[in-house]
Protein backbone atom coordinates (compact mmCIF):
# COMPACT_ATOMS: atom_id res chain seq x y z
CA MET A 1 34.41 -9.72 44.84
CA LYS A 2 33.82 -6.22 42.18
CA LYS A 3 35.35 -8.44 39.92
CA LEU A 4 33.03 -11.64 39.62
CA ALA A 5 30.26 -9.17 40.07
CA ALA A 6 31.36 -7.67 36.85
CA GLY A 7 32.03 -10.32 35.07
CA TRP A 8 28.42 -11.57 36.21
CA LEU A 9 26.64 -8.77 34.52
CA ILE A 10 28.33 -8.84 31.67
CA ALA A 11 27.46 -12.56 30.98
CA LEU A 12 23.65 -11.98 31.65
CA ALA A 13 23.85 -8.17 30.13
CA PRO A 14 21.83 -10.07 26.88
CA LEU A 15 19.20 -11.48 29.13
CA LEU A 16 18.92 -8.42 30.98
CA VAL A 17 18.75 -6.50 27.42
CA HIS A 18 15.80 -9.24 26.43
CA ALA A 19 14.05 -8.70 29.58
CA GLN A 20 13.64 -5.28 29.27
CA GLY A 21 11.02 -5.35 26.70
CA LEU A 22 11.39 -5.75 23.19
CA PRO A 23 14.09 -3.72 20.99
CA LEU A 24 13.55 -0.93 19.31
CA ASN A 25 16.10 -1.33 15.96
CA THR A 26 14.87 -3.21 13.43
CA THR A 27 15.73 -6.93 13.98
CA THR A 28 15.24 -10.19 11.22
CA GLY A 29 12.45 -11.77 11.10
CA GLY A 30 9.27 -11.78 9.16
CA ASP A 31 5.21 -11.61 9.62
CA ILE A 32 1.93 -12.53 7.85
CA GLY A 33 -1.44 -11.71 8.40
CA LEU A 34 -4.93 -10.55 7.95
CA GLU A 35 -6.49 -7.39 6.50
CA VAL A 36 -9.51 -5.29 6.32
CA SER A 37 -9.74 -2.47 4.13
CA SER A 38 -11.97 0.48 2.99
CA ARG A 39 -10.71 1.30 -0.66
CA ALA A 40 -12.37 4.51 -2.24
CA TYR A 41 -11.68 6.04 -5.92
CA GLU A 42 -12.96 9.21 -7.35
CA SER A 43 -12.20 11.10 -10.18
CA GLU A 44 -12.97 14.26 -12.11
CA VAL A 45 -13.30 16.48 -14.93
CA ASN A 46 -12.21 20.45 -14.59
CA GLY A 47 -13.18 20.08 -11.05
CA THR A 48 -16.21 18.50 -11.47
CA PHE A 49 -16.88 15.04 -10.68
CA LEU A 50 -17.18 12.13 -12.61
CA GLU A 51 -16.91 8.85 -11.55
CA SER A 52 -16.61 6.97 -7.94
CA ILE A 53 -15.42 3.23 -7.32
CA LYS A 54 -15.98 1.97 -3.77
CA GLY A 55 -15.68 -1.49 -1.97
CA ARG A 56 -14.53 -2.83 1.50
CA LYS A 57 -11.23 -6.03 1.12
CA LEU A 58 -10.43 -8.93 2.74
CA GLY A 59 -6.87 -9.88 2.19
CA ILE A 60 -3.50 -11.11 3.31
CA ALA A 61 -0.04 -9.45 4.98
CA GLY A 62 2.99 -10.12 4.59
CA SER A 63 7.28 -8.56 5.28
CA PHE A 64 10.71 -9.93 5.96
CA THR A 65 13.46 -8.09 7.21
CA GLN A 66 17.28 -8.74 6.79
CA THR A 67 19.72 -7.24 9.30
CA LEU A 68 23.30 -6.02 7.69
CA GLU A 69 25.90 -4.38 9.10
CA GLN A 70 26.46 -0.35 11.02
CA GLY A 71 22.51 -0.51 11.71
CA TRP A 72 21.53 -0.96 8.16
CA PHE A 73 18.48 -3.35 7.11
CA TRP A 74 16.51 -4.84 3.62
CA GLY A 75 13.46 -6.40 3.08
CA GLY A 76 10.19 -6.79 1.44
CA ASP A 77 6.25 -6.87 1.98
CA ALA A 78 3.45 -7.77 0.13
CA ARG A 79 -0.23 -8.12 0.43
CA ILE A 80 -3.60 -9.19 -1.67
CA ALA A 81 -6.93 -7.94 -1.47
CA THR A 82 -10.10 -8.51 -2.88
CA GLY A 83 -13.39 -7.69 -2.11
CA GLY A 84 -16.66 -6.07 -4.11
CA THR A 85 -17.93 -2.48 -5.11
CA SER A 86 -20.01 0.23 -6.33
CA LEU A 87 -19.45 2.31 -9.10
CA ASP A 88 -21.07 5.47 -9.22
CA ASN A 89 -20.66 7.57 -13.08
CA ALA A 90 -21.97 11.07 -13.34
CA LEU A 91 -22.94 10.13 -17.12
CA ALA A 92 -23.67 6.25 -17.13
CA GLY A 93 -25.47 5.53 -13.88
CA GLN A 94 -24.74 2.68 -11.42
CA ARG A 95 -23.64 -0.37 -10.78
CA SER A 96 -22.30 -2.71 -7.70
CA GLY A 97 -21.40 -5.98 -6.49
CA ASP A 98 -18.14 -6.47 -8.80
CA PRO A 99 -15.21 -7.63 -7.62
CA GLU A 100 -12.06 -5.90 -7.20
CA THR A 101 -8.16 -7.26 -6.35
CA THR A 102 -5.74 -4.78 -5.15
CA THR A 103 -1.68 -6.52 -5.13
CA GLU A 104 1.64 -4.81 -4.23
CA VAL A 105 4.70 -6.13 -3.90
CA ARG A 106 7.59 -3.53 -2.53
CA LEU A 107 11.17 -3.88 -0.91
CA THR A 108 13.03 -1.83 0.86
CA ILE A 109 16.01 -0.39 2.22
CA GLY A 110 17.25 1.39 5.63
CA THR A 111 19.10 2.27 8.43
CA ASP A 112 18.19 2.18 12.23
CA PHE A 113 19.30 5.52 14.87
CA ALA A 114 19.02 5.69 18.25
CA VAL A 115 17.43 8.75 19.65
CA GLY A 116 18.02 8.63 23.41
CA THR A 117 15.34 6.33 24.39
CA GLN A 118 13.33 6.25 21.36
CA MET A 119 14.28 4.42 17.64
CA LEU A 120 14.07 6.22 14.04
CA SER A 121 14.80 3.77 10.52
CA PRO A 122 14.41 6.24 7.78
CA TYR A 123 13.98 4.12 4.03
CA ALA A 124 13.99 4.71 1.37
CA GLY A 125 13.22 1.69 -2.17
CA LEU A 126 10.98 0.70 -4.67
CA GLY A 127 7.12 -0.42 -4.70
CA TYR A 128 4.75 -1.71 -7.32
CA GLN A 129 0.56 -1.88 -6.66
CA GLY A 130 -1.59 -2.94 -8.68
CA VAL A 131 -5.47 -2.26 -9.12
CA THR A 132 -7.75 -3.80 -11.36
CA SER A 133 -11.42 -3.44 -10.89
CA TYR A 134 -13.99 -6.55 -13.34
CA LEU A 135 -16.85 -4.03 -13.62
CA LYS A 136 -17.63 -5.82 -16.82
CA GLY A 137 -21.59 -5.21 -17.36
CA TYR A 138 -23.91 -2.68 -17.81
CA THR A 139 -25.02 -0.54 -15.42
CA SER A 140 -28.30 1.42 -14.39
CA LEU A 141 -28.59 3.78 -16.85
CA GLY A 142 -28.01 0.73 -19.76
CA ALA A 143 -24.29 2.19 -20.66
CA ALA A 144 -21.82 -0.72 -21.14
CA SER A 145 -18.77 -1.00 -18.17
CA THR A 146 -15.90 -2.48 -18.56
CA THR A 147 -13.18 -4.07 -16.71
CA ARG A 148 -10.30 -1.29 -15.51
CA SER A 149 -6.68 -2.01 -14.88
CA ARG A 150 -4.28 0.43 -13.24
CA ASP A 151 -0.79 -0.75 -12.67
CA LEU A 152 1.69 1.97 -10.09
CA VAL A 153 5.93 2.01 -10.03
CA TYR A 154 7.11 4.48 -7.12
CA LEU A 155 10.05 4.71 -5.06
CA PRO A 156 8.39 5.27 -1.49
CA LEU A 157 10.71 7.34 0.96
CA GLY A 158 9.12 7.11 4.94
CA VAL A 159 10.54 6.74 8.15
CA THR A 160 9.29 4.23 11.49
CA HIS A 161 9.35 5.57 15.34
CA ARG A 162 9.27 3.50 17.94
CA PHE A 163 9.35 3.56 21.22
CA ALA A 164 8.40 1.04 23.99
CA VAL A 165 5.55 0.42 25.82
CA GLY A 166 5.96 -0.75 28.69
CA GLU A 167 8.25 -4.05 29.41
CA THR A 168 6.26 -6.35 26.41
CA ALA A 169 5.24 -4.04 23.75
CA ARG A 170 6.33 -1.50 21.11
CA PHE A 171 4.78 1.23 19.73
CA ALA A 172 5.54 2.34 16.08
CA THR A 173 4.93 4.81 14.11
CA THR A 174 5.61 5.33 9.79
CA LEU A 175 5.22 8.08 7.42
CA GLU A 176 6.66 7.84 4.09
CA TYR A 177 5.88 9.92 0.69
CA ASP A 178 5.67 8.00 -2.26
CA VAL A 179 7.07 9.64 -5.81
CA LEU A 180 4.86 8.03 -8.41
CA LEU A 181 7.46 7.00 -11.85
CA GLU A 182 5.13 6.20 -13.92
CA ALA A 183 0.86 4.78 -13.71
CA GLN A 184 -0.41 2.66 -16.81
CA GLN A 185 -4.11 2.58 -16.67
CA GLN A 186 -6.20 0.60 -19.08
CA THR A 187 -10.10 0.53 -20.01
CA HIS A 188 -10.95 -2.93 -21.42
CA LEU A 189 -12.44 -1.35 -24.00
CA THR A 190 -12.35 -4.38 -26.48
CA GLU A 191 -14.83 -6.45 -23.72
CA ILE A 192 -17.84 -4.59 -25.70
CA VAL A 193 -18.97 -5.62 -29.38
CA GLY A 194 -17.34 -3.26 -32.21
CA TYR A 195 -14.17 -2.26 -29.96
CA THR A 196 -11.47 -3.72 -31.52
CA GLN A 197 -8.91 -1.56 -28.98
CA ASP A 198 -8.14 -0.98 -25.60
CA LEU A 199 -7.68 1.97 -24.42
CA SER A 200 -4.54 2.69 -22.83
CA THR A 201 -2.61 5.62 -21.21
CA THR A 202 0.26 6.75 -18.83
CA GLN A 203 0.18 8.90 -15.92
CA ARG A 204 4.11 10.74 -15.19
CA LYS A 205 2.58 13.46 -12.60
CA GLY A 206 1.36 12.26 -8.76
CA SER A 207 2.10 11.55 -5.67
CA GLY A 208 0.82 9.29 -3.00
CA ALA A 209 1.28 9.29 0.92
CA ARG A 210 1.33 6.50 4.07
CA LEU A 211 0.71 6.34 7.88
CA ARG A 212 0.70 3.33 9.78
CA LEU A 213 -0.28 3.27 13.99
CA ALA A 214 1.48 -0.36 14.88
CA TYR A 215 0.86 -1.80 18.58
CA GLU A 216 3.90 -5.13 18.77
CA THR A 217 4.45 -7.44 20.77
CA ALA A 218 7.23 -10.28 20.69
CA ARG A 219 4.73 -12.30 18.53
CA TRP A 220 1.60 -10.32 17.03
CA SER A 221 1.27 -6.58 16.22
CA THR A 222 -2.09 -5.15 14.72
CA SER A 223 -2.09 -2.00 13.13
CA LEU A 224 -3.97 0.97 11.71
CA PHE A 225 -2.80 2.37 7.86
CA TYR A 226 -4.21 4.81 5.81
CA GLN A 227 -3.29 5.37 2.16
CA GLN A 228 -3.75 7.60 -0.90
CA TRP A 229 -2.65 8.51 -4.52
CA ASN A 230 -3.60 11.67 -6.17
CA LEU A 231 -3.01 11.25 -10.00
CA ASP A 232 -2.82 13.93 -12.13
CA ALA A 233 -4.80 13.55 -15.63
CA SER A 234 -3.33 10.80 -17.89
CA ASP A 235 -1.27 11.47 -21.50
CA PRO A 236 -3.80 10.98 -24.11
CA GLY A 237 -3.94 7.27 -25.68
CA THR A 238 -5.97 5.85 -28.81
CA TYR A 239 -8.65 3.49 -28.77
CA VAL A 240 -10.86 1.54 -31.98
CA ASP A 241 -14.23 1.46 -32.20
CA GLY A 242 -16.11 0.46 -35.24
CA GLY A 243 -12.69 0.59 -37.66
CA THR A 244 -12.57 4.58 -36.14
CA VAL A 245 -9.47 5.48 -33.93
CA TYR A 246 -10.42 7.82 -31.07
CA THR A 247 -8.19 9.64 -28.73
CA ALA A 248 -8.57 10.27 -25.27
CA ARG A 249 -7.81 10.58 -21.44
CA HIS A 250 -7.64 9.41 -18.26
CA PRO A 251 -9.09 12.22 -15.70
CA GLU A 252 -7.04 13.44 -12.62
CA ASN A 253 -8.56 10.86 -9.68
CA VAL A 254 -7.87 10.90 -5.98
CA THR A 255 -7.25 7.52 -4.28
CA ARG A 256 -8.12 6.51 -0.61
CA GLU A 257 -7.19 3.26 1.62
CA LEU A 258 -7.72 2.59 5.39
CA GLY A 259 -7.45 -0.40 7.09
CA LEU A 260 -6.97 -2.38 9.92
CA GLN A 261 -4.01 -5.47 9.93
CA LEU A 262 -3.56 -8.00 12.46
CA ARG A 263 0.25 -10.02 12.08
CA TYR A 264 1.53 -13.38 13.28
CA ARG A 265 5.62 -12.74 13.78
CA PHE A 266 8.12 -15.20 13.08
CA GLN A 267 11.84 -15.31 13.58
C-alpha cells in the first residue's frame, strides 16, 4: 500500500506543483499589452534651468522569454509610445501640442536562484532607447523650434524578486541599473531657413535606473514602472548657419518616466 501511494504521489507531483499556484521561476512564453505613461525631460546649464519637455503617452509593450538549461534564460522586450508634449524654454518661450515618440528594444540573459519560498533572477543585456520630439514651429516668443532626437545604447544590470500571492498569483519587483554606453543627440536645425547642418553631439557620461512593481496571474499582469536617466553635458558638436560653422553642446539633463502597463501572457 505504501509503495502504491508513493507511486501515485510521484505521478501526481507535476499536477500538485501546478495546483499550488504560478511557478516563481522564469518560464518560456511571452506577453503583450498597453501602457500609459508620463515623461518629463529637464536640462540645465551650470545649475540654472534651461528647458523642459513634458507629456503623456499611450503605447504598446511586449516581451518574450526562452528558458535554457540549469536555470538560465534569455529574452527580449520592446515598447513604443507616443503622445503630445509641452515645451518650456527659459530663453525662447513655450509651445505645446507637438507629438513625441519613445521606442525601446532590449535583449537580456539571466538565471534563477531559489531563496526559500522566493525567487531571485539577476540578468544583464543590451538595450536601445530612441526618443523623437517633433517640435518644429515657433514658440510663444516667436523663436524657431526644431525636431529633437536622442538615441541611447546602454547595458542593463538588474534583478527580479518574486514571491507567491495566494495560490493563483505572484508579485514581482524588478530593480535595474543602466550603464550608458553612448547617447547621440541631434537638433534638426536644417528645418530653419539658412541652416545647412544639424547639431549632432555625443554624450558619453550618464546612467539610468528603473523600478517595476508587478502583480501577475497565469494570463494577466498589471504593473507600475518608473525610469530615470541622468546624462552629463555632451562633447562639443558643430552646426552651420549662413555658411559659418559654430560649436555647441547639448546640456546636462534628467529624464523621468512613470507609467502603468496591462499585459496578456501567452505560451
